[in-house]
Amino acid sequence: MVQELETDYLVVGAGAMGLAFADELLTRSPNARIIILDRRAKPGGHWNDAYPFVSLHQPAALYGVSSEALGTGGAALASGGEVLAYFERVVNKWVATGRLRFFPMCEYLGNGQFSSILAAGREYRVTVRKKIVDASYMKVEVPATKEPAYAVSPEISLIPPNGLTDIARPWSGYVIIGGGKTGIDAILFLLELGVDSSAIRWIIPNDSWFLDRDHFTPGLIAGAGVAQLKCLANARTLKGLFESLEATGLVLRLDPNVWPTKYRCATVNQRELEQLRGIRDIVRMGRVSRIEPTEIVLQQGRIPTNSNTLHVDCTADGLAKRDVVPIFDGNLITLQSVFMCQQVFSAALLGFIETQFVEDETKNSLCEVVPHPELERDYVSALTVSMENATRWMKHLFGWLRGSRLFLLHYESWWSLLRSGWLLRKLVPKLPAYRDSLLEEQIEQSDRGRVVREDTRRISS
């Protein structure tokens, strides 16, 4: 049975980006009609699959949709449960207007068609009057929905972080696999519930820089942004840039003696950092290759383990890099980030741009895609493009920016905005040159290091 439907926009994916886009479009276009479908039973995307103790790593004031506040304001975070309840409330609000229809537990088949996952033979064919919106392109993954990339012996107990809340007995030890946000959350959860730090082993394939969350409080963000741009403008090397960022307190690292190579936008505050530094058994031997009954095999070595140890897989790449594609392309909109580490703001902005401009060329020229950073050098590129985008928005979209609760500078004073705008006009034209100089210097250093290593091997042989 095929049911025929009609709509202006068909949004594939009811995660945070899809909902932020739809909310903005419905707000700005009073006559617009939208259908949203998702494979999950409730709106909220990956938040439905996240571990029970998850929370935002950024202020709730900057997350969600433009039309409705999330959380208590200021620097307050929000739990996963709060986020899910919020998104359900937002969807119900728009459904009640008759302008939004939500189809849960449905699989998109392409070409405007989708089918029910539960009801065999129930299919839908949609006549889309305007555009299809791919809100699933970023493919956010969490450990609960992704198998680990390494083999595990049957004798070994391995769980995703979701399983930590179901533990029925104490274990002799806990091995946390993964150095990102999920691994951090798992360790903090265990410590908060009284597990001794000596019982925790942490496998970190690559150290990452962390943002100091205390510097990214609404109302204070402009100052942090100005400081970042000054550090970039004055740096002569990539290492020097991060030394400067660290000296100003903008970024943190787990171990003062270990130089991080990753930058994934994860945040911690000083209290959490001190807790993490209490973990003394940290393994830096690359990624896990496999877990055998008596040892964990890593890329660069082996460490002992046993069946009385609980292993927690935190390795899913929540925001993996995707190929950049045009955002506005005929009758298809592919949601992607256009500001570093601000996905929901990006989606809301794209919803606004869709309502204000006609030509795809104009729309795309306002918002260059900013892939999620992974390495140190990605920070430089992501910051540069984000600032170039922001300069265009300040010129063409200032009123919307000032009014959007999702925009980083929404909570700043007029004086801070004027100062930030002046600095953007002064520095942004120079940012590409700063970026290219730093990245070229890094390539030259890498080449010199490679030559030295090759010479050393030849001499040794």
Protein backbone atom coordinates (compact mmCIF):
# COMPACT_ATOMS: atom_id res chain seq x y z
CA MET A 1 0.00 0.00 0.00
CA VAL A 2 1.47 3.34 -1.11
CA GLN A 3 0.12 6.50 0.47
CA GLU A 4 0.46 9.70 -1.54
CA LEU A 5 1.61 12.81 0.35
CA GLU A 6 2.39 16.41 -0.56
CA THR A 7 4.68 18.92 1.14
CA ASP A 8 6.92 21.89 0.48
CA TYR A 9 10.00 20.38 2.16
CA LEU A 10 10.81 16.76 2.94
CA VAL A 11 13.41 16.59 5.74
CA VAL A 12 15.22 13.26 6.09
CA GLY A 13 16.39 12.98 9.67
CA ALA A 14 14.89 14.32 12.92
CA GLY A 15 18.19 14.95 14.66
CA ALA A 16 19.32 18.28 16.04
CA MET A 17 20.33 19.71 12.65
CA GLY A 18 17.15 18.65 10.87
CA LEU A 19 14.97 20.11 13.63
CA ALA A 20 16.93 23.37 13.82
CA PHE A 21 16.57 23.83 10.06
CA ALA A 22 12.85 22.98 10.06
CA ASP A 23 12.12 25.24 13.04
CA GLU A 24 13.78 28.24 11.38
CA LEU A 25 12.05 27.63 8.06
CA LEU A 26 8.64 27.27 9.67
CA THR A 27 9.23 30.42 11.71
CA ARG A 28 10.27 32.52 8.71
CA SER A 29 7.83 31.10 6.16
CA PRO A 30 4.31 31.14 7.65
CA ASN A 31 2.84 29.17 4.75
CA ALA A 32 5.51 26.48 4.55
CA ARG A 33 4.63 22.82 5.08
CA ILE A 34 7.22 20.24 6.12
CA ILE A 35 7.36 16.46 6.47
CA ILE A 36 10.12 15.02 8.67
CA LEU A 37 10.92 11.32 8.79
CA ASP A 38 13.36 9.39 10.94
CA ARG A 39 14.35 5.80 11.62
CA ARG A 40 13.97 6.31 15.36
CA ALA A 41 10.73 6.36 17.34
CA LYS A 42 11.31 9.82 18.78
CA PRO A 43 12.87 13.05 17.52
CA GLY A 44 16.38 13.89 18.66
CA GLY A 45 18.57 11.76 16.43
CA HIS A 46 21.61 10.24 18.14
CA TRP A 47 20.46 11.53 21.53
CA ASN A 48 18.04 8.58 21.53
CA ASP A 49 20.99 6.18 21.44
CA ALA A 50 23.37 8.00 23.78
CA TYR A 51 24.35 6.73 27.22
CA PRO A 52 22.02 7.71 30.09
CA PHE A 53 24.55 10.00 31.80
CA VAL A 54 25.36 12.03 28.69
CA SER A 55 25.05 15.79 28.77
CA LEU A 56 25.89 18.69 26.50
CA HIS A 57 29.51 19.80 26.42
CA GLN A 58 28.47 23.33 25.47
CA PRO A 59 25.99 25.68 27.15
CA ALA A 60 22.37 24.73 26.55
CA ALA A 61 21.77 28.39 25.72
CA LEU A 62 23.51 27.74 22.38
CA TYR A 63 21.84 24.43 21.54
CA GLY A 64 18.50 23.31 20.15
CA VAL A 65 16.25 25.38 17.89
CA SER A 66 15.92 29.14 17.57
CA SER A 67 12.28 29.43 18.60
CA GLU A 68 12.48 27.84 22.03
CA ALA A 69 15.01 28.11 24.85
CA LEU A 70 16.73 25.03 26.26
CA GLY A 71 17.88 24.85 29.86
CA THR A 72 18.15 27.57 32.47
CA GLY A 73 20.45 29.90 30.55
CA GLY A 74 24.00 31.09 31.02
CA ALA A 75 26.66 28.41 31.20
CA ALA A 76 24.25 25.69 32.36
CA LEU A 77 24.43 22.40 30.47
CA ALA A 78 21.55 20.02 29.80
CA SER A 79 21.30 16.27 30.30
CA GLY A 80 20.49 13.88 27.49
CA GLY A 81 17.03 13.36 28.96
CA GLU A 82 16.38 17.08 28.98
CA VAL A 83 17.50 17.38 25.37
CA LEU A 84 15.20 14.58 24.23
CA ALA A 85 12.21 16.02 26.08
CA TYR A 86 12.99 19.42 24.57
CA PHE A 87 13.08 18.13 20.99
CA GLU A 88 9.85 16.20 21.48
CA ARG A 89 8.22 19.37 22.82
CA VAL A 90 9.44 21.36 19.80
CA VAL A 91 8.11 18.79 17.32
CA ASN A 92 4.76 18.54 19.11
CA LYS A 93 4.45 22.32 19.04
CA TRP A 94 4.86 22.48 15.28
CA VAL A 95 2.73 19.38 14.64
CA ALA A 96 -0.11 21.09 16.53
CA THR A 97 -0.06 23.92 13.97
CA GLY A 98 -0.81 21.48 11.15
CA ARG A 99 2.28 22.68 9.25
CA LEU A 100 4.59 19.83 10.28
CA ARG A 101 4.05 16.10 9.95
CA PHE A 102 6.44 13.72 11.69
CA PHE A 103 6.84 10.11 10.54
CA PRO A 104 8.89 8.11 13.07
CA MET A 105 10.39 4.67 12.47
CA CYS A 106 10.50 5.13 8.72
CA GLU A 107 13.29 4.39 6.24
CA TYR A 108 14.03 6.79 3.41
CA LEU A 109 14.18 5.01 0.04
CA GLY A 110 15.20 7.96 -2.13
CA ASN A 111 13.31 10.00 -4.73
CA GLY A 112 10.82 11.27 -2.19
CA GLN A 113 9.75 7.79 -1.05
CA PHE A 114 9.95 6.18 2.38
CA SER A 115 8.54 3.13 4.12
CA SER A 116 7.55 2.08 7.61
CA ILE A 117 10.09 -0.04 9.47
CA LEU A 118 7.37 -1.75 11.52
CA ALA A 119 4.37 -2.07 9.19
CA ALA A 120 5.23 -4.35 6.30
CA GLY A 121 4.19 -2.97 2.94
CA ARG A 122 3.34 0.50 4.20
CA GLU A 123 5.06 2.96 1.90
CA TYR A 124 4.78 6.66 1.21
CA ARG A 125 5.38 8.62 -1.97
CA VAL A 126 5.82 12.36 -1.46
CA THR A 127 5.27 15.08 -4.01
CA VAL A 128 7.83 17.65 -2.88
CA ARG A 129 6.85 21.10 -4.12
CA LYS A 130 10.16 22.71 -3.20
CA LYS A 131 13.09 20.73 -1.81
CA ILE A 132 14.35 17.59 -0.13
CA VAL A 133 16.59 18.26 2.87
CA ASP A 134 19.23 15.68 3.77
CA ALA A 135 19.64 16.13 7.52
CA SER A 136 21.41 12.79 7.94
CA TYR A 137 24.55 13.48 5.89
CA MET A 138 26.75 14.13 8.94
CA LYS A 139 26.00 10.56 10.17
CA VAL A 140 26.61 11.07 13.89
CA GLU A 141 27.58 7.73 15.45
CA VAL A 142 27.62 6.63 19.07
CA PRO A 143 29.13 3.41 20.53
CA ALA A 144 25.71 1.89 21.20
CA THR A 145 24.93 1.76 17.47
CA LYS A 146 28.37 0.92 16.09
CA GLU A 147 30.38 -2.26 16.44
CA PRO A 148 33.99 -1.74 17.59
CA ALA A 149 36.62 -1.83 14.86
CA TYR A 150 38.61 -4.53 16.68
CA ALA A 151 38.04 -8.21 17.45
CA VAL A 152 37.13 -9.26 20.99
CA SER A 153 37.58 -12.70 22.51
CA PRO A 154 34.37 -14.31 23.90
CA GLU A 155 36.00 -14.51 27.34
CA ILE A 156 36.24 -10.73 27.50
CA SER A 157 33.46 -8.47 28.76
CA LEU A 158 33.08 -5.44 26.48
CA ILE A 159 30.20 -2.96 26.69
CA PRO A 160 29.32 0.45 25.22
CA PRO A 161 29.12 3.25 27.80
CA ASN A 162 25.34 2.74 27.91
CA GLY A 163 26.00 -0.49 29.78
CA LEU A 164 27.72 1.24 32.70
CA THR A 165 24.36 2.08 34.28
CA ASP A 166 23.36 -1.61 34.22
CA ILE A 167 26.36 -3.01 36.09
CA ALA A 168 25.21 -5.40 38.83
CA ARG A 169 28.54 -5.97 40.60
CA PRO A 170 31.94 -4.33 41.03
CA TRP A 171 34.74 -5.34 38.66
CA SER A 172 38.39 -5.69 39.54
CA GLY A 173 39.21 -3.05 36.95
CA TYR A 174 37.73 -0.89 34.20
CA VAL A 175 39.39 -0.26 30.84
CA ILE A 176 38.09 2.79 29.00
CA ILE A 177 38.94 2.59 25.29
CA GLY A 178 38.93 5.98 23.56
CA GLY A 179 40.25 9.43 24.40
CA GLY A 180 37.38 11.59 23.14
CA LYS A 181 34.25 13.07 24.70
CA THR A 182 32.64 9.68 25.30
CA GLY A 183 35.72 8.28 27.04
CA ILE A 184 35.91 11.39 29.21
CA ASP A 185 32.26 11.04 30.18
CA ALA A 186 32.68 7.36 31.04
CA ILE A 187 35.64 8.08 33.34
CA LEU A 188 33.92 10.99 35.07
CA PHE A 189 30.82 8.83 35.58
CA LEU A 190 32.86 6.09 37.28
CA LEU A 191 34.73 8.57 39.46
CA GLU A 192 31.55 10.37 40.50
CA LEU A 193 30.09 7.03 41.65
CA GLY A 194 33.07 6.25 43.83
CA VAL A 195 35.25 4.01 41.65
CA ASP A 196 38.84 4.52 42.71
CA SER A 197 41.02 6.08 40.04
CA SER A 198 43.54 3.25 40.50
CA ALA A 199 40.94 0.79 39.18
CA ILE A 200 40.64 2.65 35.87
CA ARG A 201 42.90 2.13 32.86
CA TRP A 202 42.51 4.62 30.01
CA ILE A 203 43.57 3.76 26.47
CA ILE A 204 44.19 6.96 24.52
CA PRO A 205 45.30 6.40 20.91
CA ASN A 206 45.94 10.14 20.43
CA ASP A 207 45.90 13.00 22.90
CA SER A 208 43.59 15.90 22.07
CA TRP A 209 43.42 19.55 22.93
CA PHE A 210 40.39 20.45 25.02
CA LEU A 211 38.52 23.75 25.08
CA ASP A 212 38.28 25.27 28.54
CA ARG A 213 34.52 25.45 28.92
CA ASP A 214 34.76 28.30 31.42
CA HIS A 215 35.95 30.59 28.62
CA PHE A 216 32.96 29.77 26.42
CA THR A 217 30.16 31.08 28.60
CA PRO A 218 27.46 33.12 26.84
CA GLY A 219 28.34 36.76 27.29
CA LEU A 220 32.08 36.05 27.44
CA ILE A 221 32.56 34.29 24.12
CA ALA A 222 33.50 37.41 22.17
CA GLY A 223 36.58 37.83 24.33
CA ALA A 224 37.62 34.23 23.74
CA GLY A 225 37.09 34.65 20.00
CA VAL A 226 39.21 37.80 19.91
CA ALA A 227 41.95 36.01 21.83
CA GLN A 228 41.95 33.11 19.36
CA LEU A 229 42.31 35.45 16.39
CA LYS A 230 45.17 37.31 18.05
CA CYS A 231 46.96 34.04 18.77
CA LEU A 232 46.57 32.99 15.14
CA ALA A 233 47.76 36.36 13.84
CA ASN A 234 50.90 36.32 16.00
CA ALA A 235 51.88 32.66 15.57
CA ARG A 236 54.80 31.66 13.38
CA THR A 237 54.37 27.91 13.69
CA LEU A 238 51.49 25.57 14.42
CA LYS A 239 53.18 24.53 17.66
CA GLY A 240 53.60 28.17 18.59
CA LEU A 241 49.91 28.78 17.96
CA PHE A 242 48.83 26.11 20.42
CA GLU A 243 51.44 27.21 22.94
CA SER A 244 49.90 30.66 22.77
CA LEU A 245 46.34 29.32 23.04
CA GLU A 246 47.38 27.25 26.04
CA ALA A 247 49.14 30.19 27.69
CA THR A 248 45.95 32.27 27.45
CA GLY A 249 43.93 29.44 28.98
CA LEU A 250 41.77 28.85 25.92
CA VAL A 251 42.86 25.24 25.43
CA LEU A 252 43.93 22.56 27.88
CA ARG A 253 45.73 19.23 27.66
CA LEU A 254 45.56 16.16 29.81
CA ASP A 255 49.28 15.79 30.44
CA PRO A 256 51.64 18.80 30.37
CA ASN A 257 54.38 16.45 29.16
CA VAL A 258 52.44 15.02 26.19
CA TRP A 259 51.85 17.17 23.12
CA PRO A 260 48.37 16.56 21.67
CA THR A 261 47.95 15.96 17.94
CA LYS A 262 44.15 16.09 17.77
CA TYR A 263 41.57 18.86 18.06
CA ARG A 264 37.95 17.67 18.18
CA CYS A 265 36.19 20.55 19.99
CA ALA A 266 35.73 18.53 23.19
CA THR A 267 35.36 20.70 26.28
CA VAL A 268 36.23 20.28 29.95
CA ASN A 269 36.37 22.61 32.90
CA GLN A 270 39.20 22.80 35.41
CA ARG A 271 37.48 20.52 37.93
CA GLU A 272 36.92 17.79 35.34
CA LEU A 273 40.50 18.12 34.10
CA GLU A 274 41.85 17.56 37.61
CA GLN A 275 39.68 14.45 37.94
CA LEU A 276 40.96 13.11 34.62
CA ARG A 277 44.55 13.80 35.62
CA GLY A 278 43.97 11.55 38.61
CA ILE A 279 43.97 8.55 36.24
CA ARG A 280 47.56 7.33 36.35
CA ASP A 281 47.21 4.18 34.24
CA ILE A 282 47.09 5.73 30.79
CA VAL A 283 48.08 3.67 27.76
CA ARG A 284 49.42 5.48 24.70
CA MET A 285 50.22 2.68 22.26
CA GLY A 286 47.89 3.57 19.40
CA ARG A 287 44.54 2.02 18.63
CA VAL A 288 43.31 -1.35 19.88
CA SER A 289 43.79 -4.08 17.28
CA ARG A 290 42.12 -6.89 19.23
CA ILE A 291 41.39 -8.03 22.78
CA GLU A 292 42.48 -11.56 23.63
CA PRO A 293 41.68 -13.51 26.82
CA THR A 294 44.82 -12.33 28.63
CA GLU A 295 45.98 -9.23 26.78
CA ILE A 296 45.00 -6.23 24.73
CA VAL A 297 46.87 -5.98 21.44
CA LEU A 298 47.48 -2.42 20.30
CA GLN A 299 49.21 -0.94 17.29
CA GLN A 300 52.39 -0.36 19.25
CA GLY A 301 52.42 -3.01 21.93
CA ARG A 302 50.50 -5.30 24.27
CA ILE A 303 49.12 -4.90 27.78
CA PRO A 304 47.65 -7.51 30.12
CA THR A 305 43.96 -7.92 30.83
CA ASN A 306 41.61 -10.62 32.12
CA SER A 307 38.00 -11.72 32.30
CA ASN A 308 37.49 -9.93 35.64
CA THR A 309 38.07 -6.59 33.95
CA LEU A 310 35.24 -4.68 32.32
CA HIS A 311 36.15 -3.08 29.00
CA VAL A 312 34.17 -0.04 27.82
CA ASP A 313 34.23 0.80 24.12
CA CYS A 314 34.14 4.58 23.55
CA THR A 315 35.69 4.60 20.07
CA ALA A 316 32.81 5.60 17.79
CA ASP A 317 33.68 8.69 15.76
CA GLY A 318 30.72 10.89 16.62
CA LEU A 319 31.45 13.52 13.98
CA ALA A 320 33.64 11.93 11.36
CA LYS A 321 34.80 14.00 8.42
CA ARG A 322 32.58 13.78 5.37
CA ASP A 323 33.26 14.89 1.82
CA VAL A 324 32.18 18.49 1.30
CA VAL A 325 29.24 18.75 -1.11
CA PRO A 326 27.23 21.81 -2.19
CA ILE A 327 24.71 22.73 0.49
CA PHE A 328 22.16 24.20 -1.90
CA ASP A 329 21.98 22.15 -5.09
CA GLY A 330 18.76 22.47 -7.08
CA ASN A 331 15.98 20.65 -5.27
CA LEU A 332 18.38 19.17 -2.67
CA ILE A 333 19.71 20.80 0.50
CA THR A 334 22.48 18.89 2.27
CA LEU A 335 22.92 20.17 5.81
CA GLN A 336 26.55 20.65 6.86
CA SER A 337 28.38 22.77 9.38
CA VAL A 338 29.25 26.31 8.32
CA PHE A 339 30.79 27.39 11.64
CA MET A 340 33.37 25.45 13.62
CA CYS A 341 31.77 23.00 16.04
CA GLN A 342 28.34 24.69 15.85
CA GLN A 343 26.17 22.26 13.95
CA VAL A 344 22.73 23.31 15.15
CA PHE A 345 23.47 27.01 14.67
CA SER A 346 24.66 26.14 11.16
CA ALA A 347 21.42 24.32 10.35
CA ALA A 348 19.27 27.16 11.66
CA LEU A 349 21.28 29.66 9.62
CA LEU A 350 20.80 27.55 6.50
CA GLY A 351 17.06 27.47 7.17
CA PHE A 352 17.03 31.26 7.34
CA ILE A 353 19.13 31.63 4.17
CA GLU A 354 16.74 29.31 2.33
CA THR A 355 13.89 31.71 3.09
CA GLN A 356 15.75 34.90 2.16
CA PHE A 357 17.53 34.19 -1.13
CA VAL A 358 16.58 32.56 -4.41
CA GLU A 359 19.73 31.61 -6.32
CA ASP A 360 21.79 28.64 -5.13
CA GLU A 361 24.97 30.45 -6.08
CA THR A 362 24.12 33.31 -3.75
CA LYS A 363 23.19 30.97 -0.91
CA ASN A 364 26.33 28.87 -1.22
CA SER A 365 28.52 31.97 -1.44
CA LEU A 366 27.29 33.01 2.01
CA CYS A 367 28.23 29.79 3.75
CA GLU A 368 31.35 27.83 2.91
CA VAL A 369 31.29 24.39 4.52
CA VAL A 370 33.46 23.96 7.63
CA PRO A 371 34.29 20.25 8.11
CA HIS A 372 34.53 19.09 11.70
CA PRO A 373 38.19 19.44 12.80
CA GLU A 374 40.18 16.37 13.74
CA LEU A 375 43.87 17.31 13.73
CA GLU A 376 45.68 20.39 15.02
CA ARG A 377 46.00 21.82 11.53
CA ASP A 378 42.24 21.42 10.99
CA TYR A 379 41.67 23.93 13.79
CA VAL A 380 43.48 26.60 11.76
CA SER A 381 41.49 25.93 8.60
CA ALA A 382 38.16 25.64 10.43
CA LEU A 383 38.72 28.87 12.36
CA THR A 384 39.74 30.74 9.20
CA VAL A 385 36.71 29.68 7.16
CA SER A 386 34.36 30.24 10.11
CA MET A 387 35.58 33.81 10.48
CA GLU A 388 35.31 34.44 6.74
CA ASN A 389 31.72 33.17 6.86
CA ALA A 390 30.96 35.29 9.92
CA THR A 391 32.21 38.41 8.13
CA ARG A 392 29.77 37.78 5.28
CA TRP A 393 26.93 37.15 7.71
CA MET A 394 27.63 40.32 9.68
CA LYS A 395 27.27 42.23 6.44
CA HIS A 396 24.18 40.54 5.02
CA LEU A 397 22.44 38.83 7.97
CA PHE A 398 23.28 40.94 11.02
CA GLY A 399 19.70 41.34 12.20
CA TRP A 400 19.09 37.60 12.21
CA LEU A 401 22.42 36.88 13.90
CA ARG A 402 21.73 39.31 16.70
CA GLY A 403 18.29 37.80 17.26
CA SER A 404 19.21 34.10 17.13
CA ARG A 405 19.71 32.50 20.53
CA LEU A 406 21.97 29.92 18.85
CA PHE A 407 24.54 32.48 17.68
CA LEU A 408 27.67 32.68 19.84
CA LEU A 409 27.51 36.47 20.07
CA HIS A 410 23.77 36.73 20.72
CA TYR A 411 24.41 37.24 24.45
CA GLU A 412 27.18 39.82 24.08
CA SER A 413 26.85 43.52 24.83
CA TRP A 414 26.70 45.98 21.95
CA TRP A 415 30.20 47.14 22.88
CA SER A 416 31.53 43.58 22.54
CA LEU A 417 29.78 43.20 19.19
CA LEU A 418 31.26 46.43 17.86
CA ARG A 419 34.72 45.46 19.04
CA SER A 420 34.40 41.97 17.54
CA GLY A 421 33.13 43.40 14.25
CA TRP A 422 36.04 45.85 14.06
CA LEU A 423 38.54 43.06 14.68
CA LEU A 424 36.91 40.83 12.08
CA ARG A 425 37.17 43.54 9.44
CA LYS A 426 40.81 44.10 10.36
CA LEU A 427 42.05 40.51 10.67
CA VAL A 428 39.84 38.28 8.53
CA PRO A 429 41.31 39.38 5.17
CA LYS A 430 44.72 38.32 6.52
CA LEU A 431 43.62 34.97 7.96
CA PRO A 432 44.14 32.88 4.79
CA ALA A 433 47.76 34.08 4.62
CA TYR A 434 48.30 33.26 8.30
CA ARG A 435 46.73 29.82 7.77
CA ASP A 436 48.79 29.03 4.68
CA SER A 437 52.01 30.14 6.38
CA LEU A 438 51.39 27.95 9.43
CA LEU A 439 50.39 24.90 7.43
CA GLU A 440 53.30 25.26 5.01
CA GLU A 441 55.69 25.51 7.96
CA GLN A 442 54.21 22.32 9.41
CA ILE A 443 54.71 20.49 6.09
CA GLU A 444 58.32 21.64 5.93
CA GLN A 445 58.93 20.50 9.51
CA SER A 446 57.36 17.12 8.73
CA ASP A 447 59.56 16.74 5.66
CA ARG A 448 62.68 17.64 7.66
CA GLY A 449 61.72 15.10 10.32
CA ARG A 450 61.15 12.43 7.69
CA VAL A 451 64.59 13.04 6.16
CA VAL A 452 66.26 12.84 9.58
CA ARG A 453 64.51 9.56 10.35
CA GLU A 454 65.48 8.10 6.98
CA ASP A 455 69.12 9.19 7.47
CA THR A 456 69.14 7.66 10.92
CA ARG A 457 67.85 4.35 9.57
CA ARG A 458 70.48 4.33 6.82
CA ILE A 459 73.29 5.03 9.31
CA SER A 460 71.99 2.34 11.65
CA SER A 461 71.87 -0.22 8.86
